[in-house]
PDB file of N, CA and C in Angstrom:
ATOM      1  N   MET A   1       5.759 -13.857   3.795  1.00  0.00           N
ATOM      2  CA  MET A   1       4.150 -13.161   2.737  1.00  0.00           C
ATOM      3  C   MET A   1       3.035 -13.026   3.668  1.00  0.00           C
ATOM      4  N   ILE A   2       2.284 -11.847   3.208  1.00  0.00           N
ATOM      5  CA  ILE A   2       1.369 -11.619   4.342  1.00  0.00           C
ATOM      6  C   ILE A   2       0.410 -11.330   3.000  1.00  0.00           C
ATOM      7  N   GLU A   3      -0.785 -11.765   3.244  1.00  0.00           N
ATOM      8  CA  GLU A   3      -2.122 -11.497   2.082  1.00  0.00           C
ATOM      9  C   GLU A   3      -3.374 -11.230   3.332  1.00  0.00           C
ATOM     10  N   ARG A   4      -3.898 -10.183   3.135  1.00  0.00           N
ATOM     11  CA  ARG A   4      -5.204  -9.607   3.787  1.00  0.00           C
ATOM     12  C   ARG A   4      -6.657  -9.370   1.973  1.00  0.00           C
ATOM     13  N   LYS A   5      -7.386 -10.035   2.464  1.00  0.00           N
ATOM     14  CA  LYS A   5      -8.511  -9.576   2.066  1.00  0.00           C
ATOM     15  C   LYS A   5      -9.212  -8.082   2.459  1.00  0.00           C
ATOM     16  N   ILE A   6      -9.304  -7.486   1.077  1.00  0.00           N
ATOM     17  CA  ILE A   6      -9.578  -5.812   1.526  1.00  0.00           C
ATOM     18  C   ILE A   6     -11.011  -6.379   0.310  1.00  0.00           C
ATOM     19  N   THR A   7     -11.650  -4.870   0.897  1.00  0.00           N
ATOM     20  CA  THR A   7     -12.919  -5.183  -0.157  1.00  0.00           C
ATOM     21  C   THR A   7     -13.356  -3.050  -0.116  1.00  0.00           C
ATOM     22  N   VAL A   8     -13.221  -3.351  -1.981  1.00  0.00           N
ATOM     23  CA  VAL A   8     -13.254  -1.733  -2.040  1.00  0.00           C
ATOM     24  C   VAL A   8     -14.017  -1.911  -3.944  1.00  0.00           C
ATOM     25  N   ASP A   9     -15.462  -1.135  -3.331  1.00  0.00           N
ATOM     26  CA  ASP A   9     -16.546  -0.393  -4.168  1.00  0.00           C
ATOM     27  C   ASP A   9     -16.594  -1.906  -4.158  1.00  0.00           C
ATOM     28  N   GLY A  10     -17.386  -2.292  -3.393  1.00  0.00           N
ATOM     29  CA  GLY A  10     -18.195  -3.822  -3.070  1.00  0.00           C
ATOM     30  C   GLY A  10     -17.369  -4.959  -3.504  1.00  0.00           C
ATOM     31  N   ASN A  11     -16.130  -4.922  -4.195  1.00  0.00           N
ATOM     32  CA  ASN A  11     -15.574  -6.273  -4.777  1.00  0.00           C
ATOM     33  C   ASN A  11     -14.675  -6.412  -3.222  1.00  0.00           C
ATOM     34  N   GLU A  12     -14.085  -7.977  -3.381  1.00  0.00           N
ATOM     35  CA  GLU A  12     -13.408  -8.153  -2.504  1.00  0.00           C
ATOM     36  C   GLU A  12     -11.712  -8.849  -3.148  1.00  0.00           C
ATOM     37  N   TYR A  13     -10.543  -8.139  -2.676  1.00  0.00           N
ATOM     38  CA  TYR A  13     -10.015  -7.811  -3.329  1.00  0.00           C
ATOM     39  C   TYR A  13      -8.274  -8.731  -2.224  1.00  0.00           C
ATOM     40  N   THR A  14      -7.307  -9.145  -3.344  1.00  0.00           N
ATOM     41  CA  THR A  14      -6.585  -9.974  -2.250  1.00  0.00           C
ATOM     42  C   THR A  14      -4.937  -8.909  -2.354  1.00  0.00           C
ATOM     43  N   MET A  15      -4.958  -8.329  -1.560  1.00  0.00           N
ATOM     44  CA  MET A  15      -3.838  -7.992  -1.406  1.00  0.00           C
ATOM     45  C   MET A  15      -1.859  -8.177  -0.548  1.00  0.00           C
ATOM     46  N   ARG A  16      -1.359  -8.461  -1.005  1.00  0.00           N
ATOM     47  CA  ARG A  16       0.172  -9.654  -0.410  1.00  0.00           C
ATOM     48  C   ARG A  16       1.387  -8.894  -0.577  1.00  0.00           C
ATOM     49  N   ALA A  17       1.863  -8.670   0.384  1.00  0.00           N
ATOM     50  CA  ALA A  17       3.436  -7.798   0.854  1.00  0.00           C
ATOM     51  C   ALA A  17       3.894  -9.356   1.044  1.00  0.00           C
ATOM     52  N   SER A  18       5.480  -8.813   0.667  1.00  0.00           N
ATOM     53  CA  SER A  18       5.905  -9.991   0.330  1.00  0.00           C
ATOM     54  C   SER A  18       7.849  -8.950  -0.027  1.00  0.00           C
ATOM     55  N   ALA A  19       8.773  -9.680   0.613  1.00  0.00           N
ATOM     56  CA  ALA A  19      10.141  -8.526   0.156  1.00  0.00           C
ATOM     57  C   ALA A  19      10.243  -7.986  -1.765  1.00  0.00           C
ATOM     58  N   LEU A  20       9.689  -9.034  -1.942  1.00  0.00           N
ATOM     59  CA  LEU A  20       9.485  -8.592  -3.896  1.00  0.00           C
ATOM     60  C   LEU A  20       8.847  -7.003  -3.956  1.00  0.00           C
ATOM     61  N   ILE A  21       8.150  -6.900  -2.808  1.00  0.00           N
ATOM     62  CA  ILE A  21       7.060  -5.640  -2.837  1.00  0.00           C
ATOM     63  C   ILE A  21       8.049  -4.423  -3.666  1.00  0.00           C
ATOM     64  N   PRO A  22       9.102  -4.441  -2.887  1.00  0.00           N
ATOM     65  CA  PRO A  22       9.792  -2.472  -3.160  1.00  0.00           C
ATOM     66  C   PRO A  22      10.034  -3.081  -4.464  1.00  0.00           C
ATOM     67  N   ARG A  23      11.038  -3.990  -5.111  1.00  0.00           N
ATOM     68  CA  ARG A  23      11.210  -4.246  -5.885  1.00  0.00           C
ATOM     69  C   ARG A  23      10.515  -4.140  -7.732  1.00  0.00           C
ATOM     70  N   LEU A  24       9.067  -4.551  -7.256  1.00  0.00           N
ATOM     71  CA  LEU A  24       7.711  -4.374  -7.959  1.00  0.00           C
ATOM     72  C   LEU A  24       7.909  -2.708  -8.013  1.00  0.00           C
ATOM     73  N   TYR A  25       8.109  -2.346  -6.899  1.00  0.00           N
ATOM     74  CA  TYR A  25       7.705  -0.912  -6.808  1.00  0.00           C
ATOM     75  C   TYR A  25       8.426  -0.012  -7.908  1.00  0.00           C
ATOM     76  N   ARG A  26       9.915  -0.340  -7.002  1.00  0.00           N
ATOM     77  CA  ARG A  26      10.494   0.814  -7.534  1.00  0.00           C
ATOM     78  C   ARG A  26      11.085   0.110  -9.394  1.00  0.00           C
ATOM     79  N   ALA A  27      10.760  -0.935 -10.407  1.00  0.00           N
ATOM     80  CA  ALA A  27      10.634  -1.074 -11.433  1.00  0.00           C
ATOM     81  C   ALA A  27       9.306  -0.166 -12.340  1.00  0.00           C
ATOM     82  N   LYS A  28       8.039  -0.701 -11.795  1.00  0.00           N
ATOM     83  CA  LYS A  28       7.192   0.670 -12.052  1.00  0.00           C
ATOM     84  C   LYS A  28       7.126   1.211 -12.148  1.00  0.00           C
ATOM     85  N   PHE A  29       7.412   2.656 -10.456  1.00  0.00           N
ATOM     86  CA  PHE A  29       6.988   3.506 -10.704  1.00  0.00           C
ATOM     87  C   PHE A  29       8.473   4.921 -10.525  1.00  0.00           C
ATOM     88  N   GLY A  30       9.950   3.748 -10.089  1.00  0.00           N
ATOM     89  CA  GLY A  30      11.465   4.317 -10.330  1.00  0.00           C
ATOM     90  C   GLY A  30      11.515   5.848  -9.512  1.00  0.00           C
ATOM     91  N   ARG A  31      10.518   5.113  -7.903  1.00  0.00           N
ATOM     92  CA  ARG A  31      10.677   5.682  -6.498  1.00  0.00           C
ATOM     93  C   ARG A  31      11.403   4.197  -5.955  1.00  0.00           C
ATOM     94  N   ASP A  32      11.682   4.486  -4.433  1.00  0.00           N
ATOM     95  CA  ASP A  32      11.828   4.071  -3.588  1.00  0.00           C
ATOM     96  C   ASP A  32      10.719   3.799  -2.318  1.00  0.00           C
ATOM     97  N   MET A  33       9.607   2.553  -2.379  1.00  0.00           N
ATOM     98  CA  MET A  33       9.169   1.747  -1.157  1.00  0.00           C
ATOM     99  C   MET A  33       9.401   2.570  -0.083  1.00  0.00           C
ATOM    100  N   VAL A  34      10.089   1.989   0.389  1.00  0.00           N
ATOM    101  CA  VAL A  34      10.718   1.823   1.804  1.00  0.00           C
ATOM    102  C   VAL A  34      10.442   3.855   2.205  1.00  0.00           C
ATOM    103  N   THR A  35      11.470   4.784   1.383  1.00  0.00           N
ATOM    104  CA  THR A  35      10.997   6.065   1.998  1.00  0.00           C
ATOM    105  C   THR A  35       9.329   6.637   1.441  1.00  0.00           C
ATOM    106  N   ASP A  36       8.913   5.884   0.442  1.00  0.00           N
ATOM    107  CA  ASP A  36       7.176   6.853   0.065  1.00  0.00           C
ATOM    108  C   ASP A  36       6.933   6.159   1.287  1.00  0.00           C
ATOM    109  N   MET A  37       7.007   4.738   1.800  1.00  0.00           N
ATOM    110  CA  MET A  37       5.853   4.173   2.546  1.00  0.00           C
ATOM    111  C   MET A  37       6.061   5.126   3.890  1.00  0.00           C
ATOM    112  N   ARG A  38       7.798   5.421   4.578  1.00  0.00           N
ATOM    113  CA  ARG A  38       8.035   5.471   5.547  1.00  0.00           C
ATOM    114  C   ARG A  38       7.080   7.618   5.550  1.00  0.00           C
ATOM    115  N   ARG A  39       7.034   8.003   4.570  1.00  0.00           N
ATOM    116  CA  ARG A  39       6.442   9.904   4.242  1.00  0.00           C
ATOM    117  C   ARG A  39       5.076   9.377   4.585  1.00  0.00           C
ATOM    118  N   LEU A  40       4.303   7.942   4.187  1.00  0.00           N
ATOM    119  CA  LEU A  40       2.850   7.828   3.915  1.00  0.00           C
ATOM    120  C   LEU A  40       2.527   7.738   5.353  1.00  0.00           C
ATOM    121  N   ALA A  41       3.284   6.862   5.807  1.00  0.00           N
ATOM    122  CA  ALA A  41       2.660   6.453   7.263  1.00  0.00           C
ATOM    123  C   ALA A  41       3.050   7.924   8.458  1.00  0.00           C
ATOM    124  N   ASP A  42       3.944   8.102   8.477  1.00  0.00           N
ATOM    125  CA  ASP A  42       3.563   9.428   8.813  1.00  0.00           C
ATOM    126  C   ASP A  42       2.347  10.708   8.120  1.00  0.00           C
ATOM    127  N   ALA A  43       2.522  11.264   7.093  1.00  0.00           N
ATOM    128  CA  ALA A  43       1.122  11.493   6.814  1.00  0.00           C
ATOM    129  C   ALA A  43      -0.212  10.898   7.576  1.00  0.00           C
ATOM    130  N   TYR A  44      -0.145  10.359   7.290  1.00  0.00           N
ATOM    131  CA  TYR A  44      -1.912   9.558   7.478  1.00  0.00           C
ATOM    132  C   TYR A  44      -1.660   9.334   9.384  1.00  0.00           C
ATOM    133  N   LYS A  45      -0.070   9.373   9.830  1.00  0.00           N
ATOM    134  CA  LYS A  45      -0.456   9.315  11.854  1.00  0.00           C
ATOM    135  C   LYS A  45      -0.709  11.155  11.752  1.00  0.00           C
ATOM    136  N   LYS A  46      -0.726  12.279  10.791  1.00  0.00           N
ATOM    137  CA  LYS A  46      -0.643  13.879  11.187  1.00  0.00           C
ATOM    138  C   LYS A  46      -2.292  13.681  10.327  1.00  0.00           C
ATOM    139  N   ALA A  47      -2.644  12.817   9.947  1.00  0.00           N
ATOM    140  CA  ALA A  47      -3.898  13.062   9.892  1.00  0.00           C
ATOM    141  C   ALA A  47      -4.940  12.430  10.549  1.00  0.00           C
ATOM    142  N   GLY A  48      -4.955  12.117  12.006  1.00  0.00           N
ATOM    143  CA  GLY A  48      -5.376  11.747  12.665  1.00  0.00           C
ATOM    144  C   GLY A  48      -5.860  13.184  13.471  1.00  0.00           C
ATOM    145  N   ASP A  49      -5.074  14.253  13.545  1.00  0.00           N
ATOM    146  CA  ASP A  49      -5.245  15.153  13.705  1.00  0.00           C
ATOM    147  C   ASP A  49      -6.282  16.320  12.501  1.00  0.00           C
ATOM    148  N   GLU A  50      -7.105  16.793  13.236  1.00  0.00           N
ATOM    149  CA  GLU A  50      -8.650  17.448  12.855  1.00  0.00           C
ATOM    150  C   GLU A  50      -7.934  18.246  11.497  1.00  0.00           C
ATOM    151  N   GLU A  51      -7.191  18.900  11.588  1.00  0.00           N
ATOM    152  CA  GLU A  51      -6.587  19.661  10.598  1.00  0.00           C
ATOM    153  C   GLU A  51      -5.538  19.483   9.439  1.00  0.00           C
ATOM    154  N   ALA A  52      -4.859  18.129   9.851  1.00  0.00           N
ATOM    155  CA  ALA A  52      -4.231  17.320   8.669  1.00  0.00           C
ATOM    156  C   ALA A  52      -5.299  16.239   7.892  1.00  0.00           C
ATOM    157  N   GLN A  53      -4.588  16.533   6.346  1.00  0.00           N
ATOM    158  CA  GLN A  53      -5.164  15.368   5.826  1.00  0.00           C
ATOM    159  C   GLN A  53      -4.186  15.391   5.244  1.00  0.00           C
ATOM    160  N   LEU A  54      -3.807  14.308   3.878  1.00  0.00           N
ATOM    161  CA  LEU A  54      -3.361  14.087   2.994  1.00  0.00           C
ATOM    162  C   LEU A  54      -3.057  14.729   1.453  1.00  0.00           C
ATOM    163  N   THR A  55      -1.972  15.168   0.992  1.00  0.00           N
ATOM    164  CA  THR A  55      -1.789  15.837  -0.009  1.00  0.00           C
ATOM    165  C   THR A  55      -1.577  15.093  -1.013  1.00  0.00           C
ATOM    166  N   ALA A  56      -2.012  15.388  -2.258  1.00  0.00           N
ATOM    167  CA  ALA A  56      -3.101  14.847  -3.375  1.00  0.00           C
ATOM    168  C   ALA A  56      -0.987  13.903  -3.597  1.00  0.00           C
ATOM    169  N   MET A  57       0.159  14.455  -3.428  1.00  0.00           N
ATOM    170  CA  MET A  57       1.227  13.451  -3.257  1.00  0.00           C
ATOM    171  C   MET A  57       0.993  12.241  -2.493  1.00  0.00           C
ATOM    172  N   ASP A  58       0.191  12.450  -1.559  1.00  0.00           N
ATOM    173  CA  ASP A  58      -0.065  10.836  -0.844  1.00  0.00           C
ATOM    174  C   ASP A  58      -0.894  10.014  -0.891  1.00  0.00           C
ATOM    175  N   LEU A  59      -2.405  10.856  -1.803  1.00  0.00           N
ATOM    176  CA  LEU A  59      -2.995   9.731  -2.489  1.00  0.00           C
ATOM    177  C   LEU A  59      -2.187   9.567  -3.460  1.00  0.00           C
ATOM    178  N   GLY A  60      -1.464   9.719  -4.060  1.00  0.00           N
ATOM    179  CA  GLY A  60      -0.853   9.326  -5.615  1.00  0.00           C
ATOM    180  C   GLY A  60      -0.329   8.257  -4.580  1.00  0.00           C
ATOM    181  N   VAL A  61       1.084   8.242  -4.007  1.00  0.00           N
ATOM    182  CA  VAL A  61       1.757   7.126  -3.343  1.00  0.00           C
ATOM    183  C   VAL A  61       0.954   6.048  -3.267  1.00  0.00           C
ATOM    184  N   PHE A  62      -0.385   6.643  -1.771  1.00  0.00           N
ATOM    185  CA  PHE A  62      -0.947   5.511  -2.163  1.00  0.00           C
ATOM    186  C   PHE A  62      -1.730   4.131  -2.734  1.00  0.00           C
ATOM    187  N   GLU A  63      -2.226   4.985  -4.361  1.00  0.00           N
ATOM    188  CA  GLU A  63      -3.104   4.631  -4.904  1.00  0.00           C
ATOM    189  C   GLU A  63      -1.910   3.482  -5.851  1.00  0.00           C
ATOM    190  N   ASP A  64      -0.439   3.873  -5.361  1.00  0.00           N
ATOM    191  CA  ASP A  64       0.767   3.235  -6.017  1.00  0.00           C
ATOM    192  C   ASP A  64       0.679   1.662  -5.314  1.00  0.00           C
ATOM    193  N   ILE A  65       1.088   2.068  -4.478  1.00  0.00           N
ATOM    194  CA  ILE A  65       1.480   1.290  -3.484  1.00  0.00           C
ATOM    195  C   ILE A  65      -0.182  -0.031  -3.465  1.00  0.00           C
ATOM    196  N   ALA A  66      -0.849   0.094  -2.828  1.00  0.00           N
ATOM    197  CA  ALA A  66      -2.493  -0.199  -2.953  1.00  0.00           C
ATOM    198  C   ALA A  66      -2.157  -1.025  -4.413  1.00  0.00           C
ATOM    199  N   TRP A  67      -2.257  -0.716  -5.606  1.00  0.00           N
ATOM    200  CA  TRP A  67      -2.127  -1.178  -7.280  1.00  0.00           C
ATOM    201  C   TRP A  67      -1.275  -2.644  -7.218  1.00  0.00           C
ATOM    202  N   ILE A  68      -0.246  -2.276  -6.480  1.00  0.00           N
ATOM    203  CA  ILE A  68       0.968  -2.236  -6.074  1.00  0.00           C
ATOM    204  C   ILE A  68       0.756  -4.104  -5.900  1.00  0.00           C
ATOM    205  N   MET A  69       0.496  -3.742  -4.424  1.00  0.00           N
ATOM    206  CA  MET A  69       0.167  -4.762  -3.347  1.00  0.00           C
ATOM    207  C   MET A  69      -0.935  -5.684  -4.309  1.00  0.00           C
ATOM    208  N   LEU A  70      -1.925  -5.116  -4.685  1.00  0.00           N
ATOM    209  CA  LEU A  70      -3.346  -6.032  -5.548  1.00  0.00           C
ATOM    210  C   LEU A  70      -2.460  -6.701  -6.835  1.00  0.00           C
ATOM    211  N   LYS A  71      -1.875  -6.206  -7.591  1.00  0.00           N
ATOM    212  CA  LYS A  71      -1.025  -6.977  -8.897  1.00  0.00           C
ATOM    213  C   LYS A  71      -0.389  -8.374  -7.872  1.00  0.00           C
ATOM    214  N   HIS A  72       0.565  -7.762  -7.240  1.00  0.00           N
ATOM    215  CA  HIS A  72       1.226  -9.048  -6.505  1.00  0.00           C
ATOM    216  C   HIS A  72       0.515 -10.110  -5.972  1.00  0.00           C
ATOM    217  N   GLY A  73      -0.815  -9.797  -5.531  1.00  0.00           N
ATOM    218  CA  GLY A  73      -2.015 -10.477  -4.736  1.00  0.00           C
ATOM    219  C   GLY A  73      -2.575 -11.341  -5.654  1.00  0.00           C
ATOM    220  N   GLY A  74      -2.027 -10.638  -7.213  1.00  0.00           N
ATOM    221  CA  GLY A  74      -2.321 -12.218  -8.277  1.00  0.00           C
ATOM    222  C   GLY A  74      -4.210 -11.462  -8.421  1.00  0.00           C
ATOM    223  N   MET A  75      -4.400  -9.723  -8.342  1.00  0.00           N
ATOM    224  CA  MET A  75      -5.864  -9.817  -8.516  1.00  0.00           C
ATOM    225  C   MET A  75      -5.620  -8.999 -10.723  1.00  0.00           C
ATOM    226  N   ASP A  76      -6.804  -9.360 -10.987  1.00  0.00           N
ATOM    227  CA  ASP A  76      -6.821  -8.498 -12.142  1.00  0.00           C
ATOM    228  C   ASP A  76      -7.339  -7.299 -12.177  1.00  0.00           C
ATOM    229  N   VAL A  77      -6.488  -5.984 -11.359  1.00  0.00           N
ATOM    230  CA  VAL A  77      -6.524  -4.549 -11.628  1.00  0.00           C
ATOM    231  C   VAL A  77      -5.653  -3.749 -12.833  1.00  0.00           C
ATOM    232  N   GLY A  78      -5.530  -3.852 -13.762  1.00  0.00           N
ATOM    233  CA  GLY A  78      -4.774  -3.604 -14.790  1.00  0.00           C
ATOM    234  C   GLY A  78      -3.553  -3.579 -15.146  1.00  0.00           C
ATOM    235  N   ASP A  79      -2.966  -2.816 -16.367  1.00  0.00           N
ATOM    236  CA  ASP A  79      -1.808  -2.328 -16.105  1.00  0.00           C
ATOM    237  C   ASP A  79      -1.093  -1.399 -15.806  1.00  0.00           C
ATOM    238  N   SER A  80      -2.166  -0.684 -14.551  1.00  0.00           N
ATOM    239  CA  SER A  80      -1.654   0.648 -14.355  1.00  0.00           C
ATOM    240  C   SER A  80      -2.568   1.133 -13.153  1.00  0.00           C
ATOM    241  N   PRO A  81      -1.995   1.865 -12.437  1.00  0.00           N
ATOM    242  CA  PRO A  81      -2.946   2.197 -10.828  1.00  0.00           C
ATOM    243  C   PRO A  81      -4.591   3.457 -11.508  1.00  0.00           C
ATOM    244  N   GLU A  82      -4.314   3.970 -12.370  1.00  0.00           N
ATOM    245  CA  GLU A  82      -5.305   4.544 -13.164  1.00  0.00           C
ATOM    246  C   GLU A  82      -5.946   3.092 -13.745  1.00  0.00           C
ATOM    247  N   GLU A  83      -5.801   2.683 -15.100  1.00  0.00           N
ATOM    248  CA  GLU A  83      -6.501   1.484 -15.135  1.00  0.00           C
ATOM    249  C   GLU A  83      -7.921   0.891 -13.941  1.00  0.00           C
ATOM    250  N   TRP A  84      -7.335   0.671 -13.165  1.00  0.00           N
ATOM    251  CA  TRP A  84      -7.700   0.184 -12.039  1.00  0.00           C
ATOM    252  C   TRP A  84      -8.881   1.283 -11.325  1.00  0.00           C
ATOM    253  N   LEU A  85      -8.017   1.866 -11.164  1.00  0.00           N
ATOM    254  CA  LEU A  85      -9.288   3.518 -10.291  1.00  0.00           C
ATOM    255  C   LEU A  85     -10.231   3.561 -11.455  1.00  0.00           C
ATOM    256  N   ASP A  86      -9.994   3.541 -12.339  1.00  0.00           N
ATOM    257  CA  ASP A  86     -11.141   4.011 -13.770  1.00  0.00           C
ATOM    258  C   ASP A  86     -12.106   2.682 -14.160  1.00  0.00           C
ATOM    259  N   SER A  87     -11.746   1.401 -12.909  1.00  0.00           N
ATOM    260  CA  SER A  87     -12.619   0.236 -13.694  1.00  0.00           C
ATOM    261  C   SER A  87     -13.320   0.522 -11.801  1.00  0.00           C
ATOM    262  N   LEU A  88     -13.233   1.018 -11.170  1.00  0.00           N
ATOM    263  CA  LEU A  88     -14.045   0.961 -10.466  1.00  0.00           C
ATOM    264  C   LEU A  88     -15.420   2.301 -10.393  1.00  0.00           C
ATOM    265  N   ASP A  89     -16.584   1.276  -9.489  1.00  0.00           N
ATOM    266  CA  ASP A  89     -17.433   1.919  -9.772  1.00  0.00           C
ATOM    267  C   ASP A  89     -18.089   3.497  -9.561  1.00  0.00           C
ATOM    268  N   GLY A  90     -17.392   2.953  -7.988  1.00  0.00           N
ATOM    269  CA  GLY A  90     -16.960   4.604  -7.108  1.00  0.00           C
ATOM    270  C   GLY A  90     -16.098   4.773  -6.484  1.00  0.00           C
ATOM    271  N   ILE A  91     -16.248   5.566  -5.426  1.00  0.00           N
ATOM    272  CA  ILE A  91     -14.880   6.229  -5.349  1.00  0.00           C
ATOM    273  C   ILE A  91     -15.200   4.790  -3.642  1.00  0.00           C
ATOM    274  N   PHE A  92     -13.408   4.620  -2.956  1.00  0.00           N
ATOM    275  CA  PHE A  92     -12.998   4.127  -1.506  1.00  0.00           C
ATOM    276  C   PHE A  92     -12.633   4.725  -0.614  1.00  0.00           C
ATOM    277  N   SER A  93     -12.503   5.146   1.220  1.00  0.00           N
ATOM    278  CA  SER A  93     -11.685   5.538   2.520  1.00  0.00           C
ATOM    279  C   SER A  93     -11.131   5.181   1.611  1.00  0.00           C
ATOM    280  N   VAL A  94      -9.542   5.972   1.538  1.00  0.00           N
ATOM    281  CA  VAL A  94      -8.077   5.732   1.188  1.00  0.00           C
ATOM    282  C   VAL A  94      -8.346   5.106   3.212  1.00  0.00           C
ATOM    283  N   TYR A  95      -8.812   6.111   3.995  1.00  0.00           N
ATOM    284  CA  TYR A  95      -8.759   5.904   5.610  1.00  0.00           C
ATOM    285  C   TYR A  95      -9.001   4.334   6.443  1.00  0.00           C
ATOM    286  N   GLU A  96      -9.867   3.574   4.927  1.00  0.00           N
ATOM    287  CA  GLU A  96      -9.814   2.464   5.553  1.00  0.00           C
ATOM    288  C   GLU A  96      -9.395   1.112   5.204  1.00  0.00           C
ATOM    289  N   VAL A  97      -8.543   1.850   4.186  1.00  0.00           N
ATOM    290  CA  VAL A  97      -7.810   0.735   3.118  1.00  0.00           C
ATOM    291  C   VAL A  97      -6.194   0.665   3.746  1.00  0.00           C
ATOM    292  N   LEU A  98      -5.774   2.199   3.835  1.00  0.00           N
ATOM    293  CA  LEU A  98      -4.086   2.745   4.278  1.00  0.00           C
ATOM    294  C   LEU A  98      -3.537   1.759   5.279  1.00  0.00           C
ATOM    295  N   PRO A  99      -4.879   1.994   6.278  1.00  0.00           N
ATOM    296  CA  PRO A  99      -4.242   1.399   7.814  1.00  0.00           C
ATOM    297  C   PRO A  99      -3.408  -0.101   7.546  1.00  0.00           C
ATOM    298  N   VAL A 100      -4.323  -0.669   6.884  1.00  0.00           N
ATOM    299  CA  VAL A 100      -4.395  -2.400   5.787  1.00  0.00           C
ATOM    300  C   VAL A 100      -2.840  -1.949   5.475  1.00  0.00           C
ATOM    301  N   ILE A 101      -2.467  -1.156   4.923  1.00  0.00           N
ATOM    302  CA  ILE A 101      -1.414  -1.441   4.227  1.00  0.00           C
ATOM    303  C   ILE A 101      -0.490  -1.063   5.144  1.00  0.00           C
ATOM    304  N   ILE A 102      -0.742  -0.427   5.714  1.00  0.00           N
ATOM    305  CA  ILE A 102       0.504   0.323   6.929  1.00  0.00           C
ATOM    306  C   ILE A 102       1.230  -1.082   8.379  1.00  0.00           C
ATOM    307  N   GLU A 103      -0.148  -1.381   7.938  1.00  0.00           N
ATOM    308  CA  GLU A 103       0.291  -2.848   9.056  1.00  0.00           C
ATOM    309  C   GLU A 103       0.819  -4.005   8.218  1.00  0.00           C
ATOM    310  N   MET A 104       0.041  -4.524   6.843  1.00  0.00           N
ATOM    311  CA  MET A 104       0.883  -5.161   6.386  1.00  0.00           C
ATOM    312  C   MET A 104       2.402  -5.051   6.002  1.00  0.00           C
ATOM    313  N   TRP A 105       2.498  -3.961   5.451  1.00  0.00           N
ATOM    314  CA  TRP A 105       3.728  -3.584   5.736  1.00  0.00           C
ATOM    315  C   TRP A 105       5.187  -3.727   6.900  1.00  0.00           C
ATOM    316  N   ALA A 106       4.180  -2.851   8.097  1.00  0.00           N
ATOM    317  CA  ALA A 106       4.839  -3.324   9.528  1.00  0.00           C
ATOM    318  C   ALA A 106       5.206  -5.235   9.540  1.00  0.00           C
ATOM    319  N   LYS A 107       4.430  -5.761   9.481  1.00  0.00           N
ATOM    320  CA  LYS A 107       4.410  -7.027   9.758  1.00  0.00           C
ATOM    321  C   LYS A 107       5.599  -7.688   8.639  1.00  0.00           C
ATOM    322  N   ASN A 108       5.263  -7.759   7.445  1.00  0.00           N
ATOM    323  CA  ASN A 108       6.299  -7.909   6.568  1.00  0.00           C
ATOM    324  C   ASN A 108       7.824  -7.887   6.637  1.00  0.00           C
ATOM    325  N   ASN A 109       7.690  -6.595   7.725  1.00  0.00           N
ATOM    326  CA  ASN A 109       9.856  -5.696   7.598  1.00  0.00           C
ATOM    327  C   ASN A 109      10.079  -6.533   8.611  1.00  0.00           C
ATOM    328  N   LYS A 110       9.232  -7.023   9.947  1.00  0.00           N
ATOM    329  CA  LYS A 110       9.724  -7.591  10.950  1.00  0.00           C
ATOM    330  C   LYS A 110      10.475  -8.647  10.846  1.00  0.00           C
ATOM    331  N   THR A 111      12.112  -8.162  11.521  1.00  0.00           N
ATOM    332  CA  THR A 111      12.386  -9.818  11.427  1.00  0.00           C
ATOM    333  C   THR A 111      12.704 -10.571  12.210  1.00  0.00           C
ATOM    334  N   THR A 112      13.125 -12.249  11.781  1.00  0.00           N
ATOM    335  CA  THR A 112      13.102 -13.201  12.358  1.00  0.00           C
ATOM    336  C   THR A 112      14.688 -13.724  12.578  1.00  0.00           C
ATOM    337  N   SER A 113      15.217 -13.076  12.436  1.00  0.00           N
ATOM    338  CA  SER A 113      16.816 -12.978  12.523  1.00  0.00           C
ATOM    339  C   SER A 113      17.029 -13.342  14.328  1.00  0.00           C
ATOM    340  N   VAL A 114      17.999 -13.606  14.792  1.00  0.00           N
ATOM    341  CA  VAL A 114      18.754 -13.587  15.712  1.00  0.00           C
ATOM    342  C   VAL A 114      19.928 -13.137  15.722  1.00  0.00           C
ATOM    343  N   PRO A 115      19.970 -11.362  16.618  1.00  0.00           N
ATOM    344  CA  PRO A 115      21.621 -11.332  16.522  1.00  0.00           C
ATOM    345  C   PRO A 115      22.243 -12.731  17.019  1.00  0.00           C
ATOM    346  N   ARG A 116      23.593 -12.339  16.151  1.00  0.00           N
ATOM    347  CA  ARG A 116      24.551 -13.589  17.181  1.00  0.00           C
ATOM    348  C   ARG A 116      25.196 -12.210  18.090  1.00  0.00           C
ATOM    349  N   LYS A 117      25.800 -13.160  19.506  1.00  0.00           N
ATOM    350  CA  LYS A 117      26.203 -11.917  20.624  1.00  0.00           C
ATOM    351  C   LYS A 117      27.813 -11.732  19.961  1.00  0.00           C
ATOM    352  N   LYS A 118      27.918 -11.147  20.234  1.00  0.00           N
ATOM    353  CA  LYS A 118      29.433 -11.009  20.166  1.00  0.00           C
ATOM    354  C   LYS A 118      30.876 -11.233  21.761  1.00  0.00           C
TER     355      LYS A 118
END
């Protein structure tokens, strides 16, 4: 399990990534988080190019994943990403929070097992 603190709208939040996250995500949103994270990470890499931007769909996936990780971190973020976003006084930078999510996801997916020799 990986935990990180982030600041959004002047408030500190705890995000958590664990093996449970994909299951929570699928139960709440009916989509595969592994596929969505891969697509989102690719879109973020492309957005490093000055002409590329995240699409509305990418932003929606980002908000859903951020909300699930915050909820899993024990934060009071409402019953939906929309409720959480509506509670914020301002806006926050996707480009500050998304790298944290991508890093946490990568660390959480790193295996610690050693393959057996054949």
